[in-house]
Amino acid sequence: MATVELRFSALPEHVRTARLVAAAVARRAGVDEAVLDEVRLAVGEACSRAVGLHASNDIAAPVRVLLIEDEKSFSIEVGDGVPGGAGTDAAAGAGLEGAEGGDAEGEDEMGLAVISGLVDDVEVTSGENGGVIRMSWPTAAAPAVP
């Protein structure tokens, strides 16, 4: 299992770099070429969400992106540093009315909806160290090297 870890300052201009790196690693891992645009878009949404959560919660820690190449799948985990699940209520579709910064919560919910539409296998979790969006795609069997 090969893993690439990317950390970047929670600034919107770094999201493009994360998308490009994710697409390159996905291609190398054997993700179908037809799916690479979906990988790019999903990673962009997840990273933009994390950047927004960092900004709205005054988190100085970097956004974490893990690109994990398994035998039969390629996974990406985008982690934010917001403890206690800020934004996971949006994933469940609950608790938005009373949340501070309702516009930010609405954007968060929209971003999660876009990700869910792009990726069949997606999971949103949260804990004391922050939230994680985990997405995975199947890979083609690696060709035998002579």
N, C-alpha and C. Protein backbone atom coordinates (compact mmCIF):
# COMPACT_ATOMS: atom_id res chain seq x y z
N MET A 1 0.85 -1.18 0.00
CA MET A 1 0.00 0.00 0.00
C MET A 1 0.90 1.24 0.00
N ALA A 2 0.75 2.07 -1.01
CA ALA A 2 1.52 3.31 -1.12
C ALA A 2 0.64 4.48 -0.69
N THR A 3 1.23 5.39 0.06
CA THR A 3 0.49 6.56 0.52
C THR A 3 1.30 7.82 0.25
N VAL A 4 0.63 8.83 -0.27
CA VAL A 4 1.22 10.14 -0.44
C VAL A 4 0.46 11.07 0.50
N GLU A 5 1.20 11.86 1.28
CA GLU A 5 0.57 12.81 2.18
C GLU A 5 0.88 14.22 1.72
N LEU A 6 -0.15 15.03 1.66
CA LEU A 6 -0.04 16.42 1.26
C LEU A 6 -0.64 17.27 2.36
N ARG A 7 0.08 18.28 2.79
CA ARG A 7 -0.43 19.24 3.77
C ARG A 7 -0.26 20.63 3.16
N PHE A 8 -1.29 21.45 3.30
CA PHE A 8 -1.16 22.80 2.76
C PHE A 8 -1.88 23.80 3.66
N SER A 9 -1.39 25.03 3.64
CA SER A 9 -2.03 26.11 4.38
C SER A 9 -3.45 26.26 3.89
N ALA A 10 -4.35 26.52 4.80
CA ALA A 10 -5.77 26.60 4.47
C ALA A 10 -6.08 27.88 3.69
N LEU A 11 -5.58 27.92 2.47
CA LEU A 11 -5.80 29.05 1.57
C LEU A 11 -6.40 28.52 0.27
N PRO A 12 -7.39 29.21 -0.29
CA PRO A 12 -8.04 28.74 -1.51
C PRO A 12 -7.09 28.49 -2.68
N GLU A 13 -6.02 29.27 -2.77
CA GLU A 13 -5.11 29.10 -3.91
C GLU A 13 -4.36 27.78 -3.90
N HIS A 14 -4.35 27.08 -2.77
CA HIS A 14 -3.65 25.79 -2.70
C HIS A 14 -4.54 24.61 -3.11
N VAL A 15 -5.83 24.85 -3.24
CA VAL A 15 -6.77 23.78 -3.61
C VAL A 15 -6.44 23.25 -5.01
N ARG A 16 -6.09 24.11 -5.92
CA ARG A 16 -5.76 23.68 -7.29
C ARG A 16 -4.59 22.72 -7.29
N THR A 17 -3.58 23.00 -6.48
CA THR A 17 -2.42 22.11 -6.39
C THR A 17 -2.84 20.74 -5.87
N ALA A 18 -3.70 20.72 -4.86
CA ALA A 18 -4.19 19.45 -4.32
C ALA A 18 -4.93 18.65 -5.38
N ARG A 19 -5.74 19.32 -6.20
CA ARG A 19 -6.45 18.64 -7.29
C ARG A 19 -5.49 18.02 -8.28
N LEU A 20 -4.47 18.79 -8.67
CA LEU A 20 -3.50 18.29 -9.64
C LEU A 20 -2.71 17.10 -9.11
N VAL A 21 -2.27 17.18 -7.86
CA VAL A 21 -1.53 16.07 -7.26
C VAL A 21 -2.42 14.84 -7.16
N ALA A 22 -3.66 15.01 -6.72
CA ALA A 22 -4.59 13.88 -6.59
C ALA A 22 -4.82 13.20 -7.93
N ALA A 23 -5.00 13.96 -8.99
CA ALA A 23 -5.22 13.38 -10.30
C ALA A 23 -3.99 12.62 -10.79
N ALA A 24 -2.81 13.17 -10.55
CA ALA A 24 -1.58 12.49 -10.97
C ALA A 24 -1.38 11.17 -10.23
N VAL A 25 -1.61 11.17 -8.93
CA VAL A 25 -1.45 9.95 -8.14
C VAL A 25 -2.54 8.94 -8.51
N ALA A 26 -3.76 9.41 -8.74
CA ALA A 26 -4.85 8.52 -9.15
C ALA A 26 -4.52 7.84 -10.48
N ARG A 27 -3.99 8.60 -11.41
CA ARG A 27 -3.61 8.05 -12.72
C ARG A 27 -2.55 6.96 -12.53
N ARG A 28 -1.54 7.26 -11.71
CA ARG A 28 -0.48 6.29 -11.45
C ARG A 28 -1.02 5.03 -10.76
N ALA A 29 -2.04 5.21 -9.91
CA ALA A 29 -2.62 4.09 -9.17
C ALA A 29 -3.49 3.19 -10.06
N GLY A 30 -3.86 3.67 -11.24
CA GLY A 30 -4.65 2.85 -12.15
C GLY A 30 -6.13 3.20 -12.19
N VAL A 31 -6.49 4.38 -11.70
CA VAL A 31 -7.88 4.83 -11.81
C VAL A 31 -8.17 5.10 -13.28
N ASP A 32 -9.33 4.67 -13.74
CA ASP A 32 -9.73 4.82 -15.13
C ASP A 32 -9.65 6.29 -15.56
N GLU A 33 -9.11 6.54 -16.74
CA GLU A 33 -8.96 7.91 -17.27
C GLU A 33 -10.29 8.66 -17.29
N ALA A 34 -11.38 7.95 -17.56
CA ALA A 34 -12.70 8.58 -17.64
C ALA A 34 -13.17 9.11 -16.28
N VAL A 35 -12.56 8.64 -15.20
CA VAL A 35 -12.98 9.01 -13.85
C VAL A 35 -12.10 10.12 -13.26
N LEU A 36 -10.99 10.42 -13.90
CA LEU A 36 -10.04 11.39 -13.34
C LEU A 36 -10.64 12.77 -13.13
N ASP A 37 -11.53 13.20 -14.01
CA ASP A 37 -12.19 14.51 -13.81
C ASP A 37 -13.04 14.49 -12.54
N GLU A 38 -13.70 13.37 -12.27
CA GLU A 38 -14.49 13.26 -11.05
C GLU A 38 -13.59 13.29 -9.82
N VAL A 39 -12.43 12.65 -9.90
CA VAL A 39 -11.46 12.68 -8.80
C VAL A 39 -11.05 14.12 -8.53
N ARG A 40 -10.68 14.83 -9.60
CA ARG A 40 -10.26 16.24 -9.46
C ARG A 40 -11.35 17.09 -8.82
N LEU A 41 -12.57 16.96 -9.33
CA LEU A 41 -13.68 17.77 -8.81
C LEU A 41 -13.99 17.43 -7.36
N ALA A 42 -14.02 16.15 -7.03
CA ALA A 42 -14.33 15.74 -5.65
C ALA A 42 -13.26 16.22 -4.68
N VAL A 43 -12.00 16.10 -5.06
CA VAL A 43 -10.91 16.57 -4.21
C VAL A 43 -10.98 18.09 -4.06
N GLY A 44 -11.28 18.78 -5.14
CA GLY A 44 -11.43 20.24 -5.07
C GLY A 44 -12.53 20.64 -4.11
N GLU A 45 -13.68 19.96 -4.17
CA GLU A 45 -14.80 20.27 -3.25
C GLU A 45 -14.42 19.97 -1.81
N ALA A 46 -13.79 18.81 -1.58
CA ALA A 46 -13.42 18.43 -0.21
C ALA A 46 -12.38 19.39 0.36
N CYS A 47 -11.40 19.77 -0.45
CA CYS A 47 -10.36 20.69 0.02
C CYS A 47 -10.93 22.09 0.23
N SER A 48 -11.81 22.54 -0.65
CA SER A 48 -12.45 23.85 -0.48
C SER A 48 -13.28 23.87 0.79
N ARG A 49 -13.96 22.78 1.07
CA ARG A 49 -14.75 22.66 2.30
C ARG A 49 -13.84 22.77 3.52
N ALA A 50 -12.72 22.05 3.49
CA ALA A 50 -11.78 22.09 4.62
C ALA A 50 -11.20 23.50 4.80
N VAL A 51 -10.85 24.15 3.70
CA VAL A 51 -10.32 25.52 3.78
C VAL A 51 -11.37 26.44 4.40
N GLY A 52 -12.62 26.31 3.98
CA GLY A 52 -13.69 27.13 4.54
C GLY A 52 -13.91 26.87 6.02
N LEU A 53 -13.86 25.60 6.42
CA LEU A 53 -14.02 25.27 7.84
C LEU A 53 -12.88 25.84 8.67
N HIS A 54 -11.67 25.78 8.14
CA HIS A 54 -10.52 26.35 8.85
C HIS A 54 -10.70 27.85 9.01
N ALA A 55 -11.12 28.52 7.95
CA ALA A 55 -11.29 29.98 8.01
C ALA A 55 -12.40 30.37 8.98
N SER A 56 -13.53 29.68 8.92
CA SER A 56 -14.66 30.07 9.78
C SER A 56 -14.47 29.67 11.24
N ASN A 57 -13.53 28.77 11.52
CA ASN A 57 -13.28 28.34 12.90
C ASN A 57 -11.92 28.79 13.42
N ASP A 58 -11.25 29.68 12.68
CA ASP A 58 -9.93 30.20 13.07
C ASP A 58 -8.92 29.11 13.38
N ILE A 59 -8.81 28.14 12.49
CA ILE A 59 -7.86 27.04 12.65
C ILE A 59 -6.62 27.36 11.82
N ALA A 60 -5.45 27.35 12.46
CA ALA A 60 -4.21 27.67 11.76
C ALA A 60 -3.51 26.42 11.20
N ALA A 61 -3.93 25.24 11.63
CA ALA A 61 -3.31 24.00 11.19
C ALA A 61 -3.52 23.81 9.69
N PRO A 62 -2.63 23.07 9.03
CA PRO A 62 -2.80 22.83 7.60
C PRO A 62 -3.92 21.84 7.31
N VAL A 63 -4.44 21.88 6.10
CA VAL A 63 -5.38 20.89 5.60
C VAL A 63 -4.55 19.65 5.25
N ARG A 64 -5.06 18.46 5.58
CA ARG A 64 -4.34 17.21 5.32
C ARG A 64 -5.04 16.44 4.21
N VAL A 65 -4.24 15.95 3.27
CA VAL A 65 -4.77 15.12 2.20
C VAL A 65 -3.91 13.87 2.12
N LEU A 66 -4.54 12.69 2.27
CA LEU A 66 -3.85 11.42 2.11
C LEU A 66 -4.34 10.77 0.84
N LEU A 67 -3.41 10.35 0.00
CA LEU A 67 -3.72 9.66 -1.25
C LEU A 67 -3.21 8.23 -1.07
N ILE A 68 -4.13 7.28 -0.99
CA ILE A 68 -3.79 5.91 -0.59
C ILE A 68 -4.06 4.95 -1.74
N GLU A 69 -3.02 4.29 -2.17
CA GLU A 69 -3.10 3.34 -3.27
C GLU A 69 -3.09 1.93 -2.70
N ASP A 70 -4.22 1.21 -2.84
CA ASP A 70 -4.34 -0.17 -2.41
C ASP A 70 -4.28 -1.08 -3.63
N GLU A 71 -4.37 -2.37 -3.38
CA GLU A 71 -4.32 -3.33 -4.46
C GLU A 71 -5.48 -3.17 -5.44
N LYS A 72 -6.68 -2.90 -4.92
CA LYS A 72 -7.86 -2.83 -5.78
C LYS A 72 -8.58 -1.49 -5.75
N SER A 73 -8.06 -0.53 -4.99
CA SER A 73 -8.75 0.76 -4.91
C SER A 73 -7.76 1.90 -4.67
N PHE A 74 -8.24 3.08 -4.94
CA PHE A 74 -7.50 4.31 -4.68
C PHE A 74 -8.38 5.17 -3.79
N SER A 75 -7.85 5.57 -2.64
CA SER A 75 -8.63 6.36 -1.68
C SER A 75 -7.98 7.70 -1.42
N ILE A 76 -8.82 8.67 -1.14
CA ILE A 76 -8.35 10.00 -0.76
C ILE A 76 -9.05 10.38 0.52
N GLU A 77 -8.27 10.85 1.49
CA GLU A 77 -8.82 11.35 2.74
C GLU A 77 -8.43 12.81 2.87
N VAL A 78 -9.44 13.67 2.99
CA VAL A 78 -9.20 15.09 3.19
C VAL A 78 -9.63 15.41 4.61
N GLY A 79 -8.66 15.87 5.41
CA GLY A 79 -8.95 16.13 6.82
C GLY A 79 -8.85 17.61 7.15
N ASP A 80 -9.79 18.04 7.97
CA ASP A 80 -9.73 19.41 8.49
C ASP A 80 -9.33 19.33 9.95
N GLY A 81 -8.96 20.42 10.53
CA GLY A 81 -8.53 20.46 11.91
C GLY A 81 -9.58 20.97 12.87
N VAL A 82 -10.86 20.89 12.47
CA VAL A 82 -11.94 21.42 13.29
C VAL A 82 -12.45 20.31 14.21
N PRO A 83 -12.13 20.38 15.49
CA PRO A 83 -12.56 19.33 16.41
C PRO A 83 -14.06 19.33 16.66
N GLY A 84 -14.59 18.17 16.93
CA GLY A 84 -15.98 18.08 17.35
C GLY A 84 -17.00 18.05 16.26
N GLY A 85 -16.60 17.98 15.02
CA GLY A 85 -17.57 17.73 13.96
C GLY A 85 -18.25 18.91 13.35
N ALA A 86 -17.62 20.08 13.31
CA ALA A 86 -18.23 21.19 12.59
C ALA A 86 -18.44 20.75 11.15
N GLY A 87 -19.65 20.88 10.66
CA GLY A 87 -19.93 20.51 9.28
C GLY A 87 -20.46 19.10 9.12
N THR A 88 -20.31 18.21 10.12
CA THR A 88 -20.84 16.87 9.95
C THR A 88 -22.34 16.85 10.12
N ASP A 89 -22.92 17.84 10.82
CA ASP A 89 -24.37 17.94 10.87
C ASP A 89 -24.91 18.18 9.46
N ALA A 90 -24.15 18.91 8.67
CA ALA A 90 -24.58 19.16 7.30
C ALA A 90 -24.62 17.85 6.53
N ALA A 91 -23.70 16.96 6.82
CA ALA A 91 -23.68 15.67 6.13
C ALA A 91 -24.93 14.87 6.46
N ALA A 92 -25.41 15.02 7.67
CA ALA A 92 -26.62 14.31 8.09
C ALA A 92 -27.88 15.10 7.73
N GLY A 93 -27.71 16.36 7.32
CA GLY A 93 -28.85 17.19 6.96
C GLY A 93 -29.60 17.72 8.17
N ALA A 94 -28.91 17.83 9.31
CA ALA A 94 -29.59 18.26 10.53
C ALA A 94 -28.82 19.40 11.18
N GLY A 95 -29.52 20.17 11.99
CA GLY A 95 -28.87 21.19 12.81
C GLY A 95 -28.43 22.43 12.09
N LEU A 96 -28.91 22.70 10.90
CA LEU A 96 -28.43 23.85 10.15
C LEU A 96 -29.11 25.15 10.57
N GLU A 97 -30.34 25.08 11.03
CA GLU A 97 -31.10 26.30 11.30
C GLU A 97 -30.45 27.14 12.39
N GLY A 98 -29.99 26.51 13.45
CA GLY A 98 -29.47 27.27 14.57
C GLY A 98 -27.97 27.46 14.52
N ALA A 99 -27.33 27.00 13.47
CA ALA A 99 -25.87 27.08 13.40
C ALA A 99 -25.42 28.49 13.13
N GLU A 100 -24.29 28.84 13.74
CA GLU A 100 -23.71 30.15 13.48
C GLU A 100 -23.23 30.20 12.04
N GLY A 101 -23.36 31.31 11.37
CA GLY A 101 -22.88 31.44 9.99
C GLY A 101 -23.67 30.55 9.05
N GLY A 102 -24.95 30.68 8.99
CA GLY A 102 -25.82 29.83 8.19
C GLY A 102 -25.41 29.73 6.74
N ASP A 103 -24.88 30.82 6.15
CA ASP A 103 -24.44 30.76 4.76
C ASP A 103 -23.30 29.78 4.61
N ALA A 104 -22.35 29.78 5.53
CA ALA A 104 -21.22 28.85 5.47
C ALA A 104 -21.71 27.42 5.61
N GLU A 105 -22.68 27.19 6.48
CA GLU A 105 -23.22 25.84 6.64
C GLU A 105 -23.94 25.40 5.37
N GLY A 106 -24.65 26.30 4.71
CA GLY A 106 -25.32 25.97 3.47
C GLY A 106 -24.33 25.60 2.38
N GLU A 107 -23.24 26.34 2.29
CA GLU A 107 -22.19 26.02 1.33
C GLU A 107 -21.57 24.68 1.64
N ASP A 108 -21.38 24.38 2.93
CA ASP A 108 -20.83 23.12 3.36
C ASP A 108 -21.73 21.97 2.92
N GLU A 109 -23.02 22.13 3.14
CA GLU A 109 -23.98 21.10 2.75
C GLU A 109 -23.96 20.90 1.23
N MET A 110 -23.88 21.98 0.49
CA MET A 110 -23.83 21.89 -0.98
C MET A 110 -22.57 21.16 -1.43
N GLY A 111 -21.42 21.49 -0.82
CA GLY A 111 -20.17 20.82 -1.17
C GLY A 111 -20.24 19.33 -0.91
N LEU A 112 -20.84 18.93 0.22
CA LEU A 112 -20.99 17.51 0.51
C LEU A 112 -21.93 16.82 -0.48
N ALA A 113 -22.97 17.53 -0.91
CA ALA A 113 -23.89 16.97 -1.90
C ALA A 113 -23.18 16.76 -3.24
N VAL A 114 -22.34 17.72 -3.62
CA VAL A 114 -21.59 17.58 -4.87
C VAL A 114 -20.66 16.38 -4.79
N ILE A 115 -19.94 16.25 -3.68
CA ILE A 115 -19.02 15.12 -3.50
C ILE A 115 -19.79 13.80 -3.58
N SER A 116 -20.93 13.73 -2.90
CA SER A 116 -21.73 12.50 -2.92
C SER A 116 -22.22 12.17 -4.33
N GLY A 117 -22.46 13.19 -5.14
CA GLY A 117 -22.87 12.96 -6.52
C GLY A 117 -21.74 12.50 -7.41
N LEU A 118 -20.51 12.85 -7.05
CA LEU A 118 -19.34 12.49 -7.87
C LEU A 118 -18.73 11.14 -7.49
N VAL A 119 -18.87 10.77 -6.22
CA VAL A 119 -18.16 9.60 -5.70
C VAL A 119 -19.17 8.60 -5.14
N ASP A 120 -19.10 7.36 -5.61
CA ASP A 120 -20.00 6.33 -5.11
C ASP A 120 -19.67 5.92 -3.68
N ASP A 121 -18.38 5.86 -3.36
CA ASP A 121 -17.93 5.41 -2.04
C ASP A 121 -17.35 6.60 -1.28
N VAL A 122 -18.18 7.25 -0.47
CA VAL A 122 -17.75 8.42 0.29
C VAL A 122 -18.24 8.28 1.73
N GLU A 123 -17.40 8.71 2.65
CA GLU A 123 -17.72 8.64 4.08
C GLU A 123 -17.24 9.92 4.75
N VAL A 124 -18.09 10.53 5.56
CA VAL A 124 -17.73 11.73 6.30
C VAL A 124 -17.73 11.37 7.79
N THR A 125 -16.58 11.57 8.43
CA THR A 125 -16.47 11.27 9.86
C THR A 125 -15.88 12.47 10.57
N SER A 126 -16.01 12.46 11.90
CA SER A 126 -15.46 13.53 12.69
C SER A 126 -15.06 13.02 14.06
N GLY A 127 -14.06 13.68 14.62
CA GLY A 127 -13.60 13.31 15.95
C GLY A 127 -12.95 14.50 16.61
N GLU A 128 -12.26 14.23 17.70
CA GLU A 128 -11.65 15.32 18.46
C GLU A 128 -10.49 15.98 17.70
N ASN A 129 -9.91 15.28 16.71
CA ASN A 129 -8.81 15.84 15.94
C ASN A 129 -9.27 16.49 14.63
N GLY A 130 -10.57 16.47 14.37
CA GLY A 130 -11.09 17.09 13.17
C GLY A 130 -11.92 16.13 12.34
N GLY A 131 -12.42 16.63 11.24
CA GLY A 131 -13.25 15.83 10.34
C GLY A 131 -12.45 15.28 9.18
N VAL A 132 -12.97 14.21 8.60
CA VAL A 132 -12.32 13.57 7.44
C VAL A 132 -13.39 13.19 6.44
N ILE A 133 -13.13 13.52 5.18
CA ILE A 133 -13.95 13.01 4.08
C ILE A 133 -13.09 11.96 3.39
N ARG A 134 -13.59 10.72 3.36
CA ARG A 134 -12.87 9.62 2.73
C ARG A 134 -13.63 9.22 1.47
N MET A 135 -12.92 9.21 0.35
CA MET A 135 -13.50 8.87 -0.94
C MET A 135 -12.65 7.77 -1.56
N SER A 136 -13.27 6.83 -2.27
CA SER A 136 -12.45 5.82 -2.94
C SER A 136 -13.04 5.43 -4.29
N TRP A 137 -12.15 4.99 -5.15
CA TRP A 137 -12.47 4.58 -6.51
C TRP A 137 -11.77 3.26 -6.79
N PRO A 138 -12.37 2.41 -7.62
CA PRO A 138 -11.69 1.17 -8.00
C PRO A 138 -10.53 1.46 -8.95
N THR A 139 -9.55 0.57 -8.94
CA THR A 139 -8.44 0.70 -9.89
C THR A 139 -8.44 -0.50 -10.81
N ALA A 140 -7.85 -0.32 -11.97
CA ALA A 140 -7.68 -1.41 -12.91
C ALA A 140 -6.57 -2.32 -12.39
N ALA A 141 -6.63 -3.57 -12.72
CA ALA A 141 -5.56 -4.49 -12.33
C ALA A 141 -4.26 -3.99 -12.96
N ALA A 142 -3.23 -3.93 -12.17
CA ALA A 142 -1.95 -3.46 -12.67
C ALA A 142 -1.39 -4.45 -13.67
N PRO A 143 -0.90 -3.97 -14.82
CA PRO A 143 -0.35 -4.88 -15.81
C PRO A 143 0.95 -5.50 -15.29
N ALA A 144 1.18 -6.71 -15.71
CA ALA A 144 2.42 -7.41 -15.30
C ALA A 144 3.61 -6.76 -15.98
N VAL A 145 4.66 -6.59 -15.22
CA VAL A 145 5.89 -5.99 -15.75
C VAL A 145 6.82 -7.12 -16.15
N PRO A 146 7.24 -7.15 -17.43
CA PRO A 146 8.12 -8.26 -17.88
C PRO A 146 9.49 -8.18 -17.28
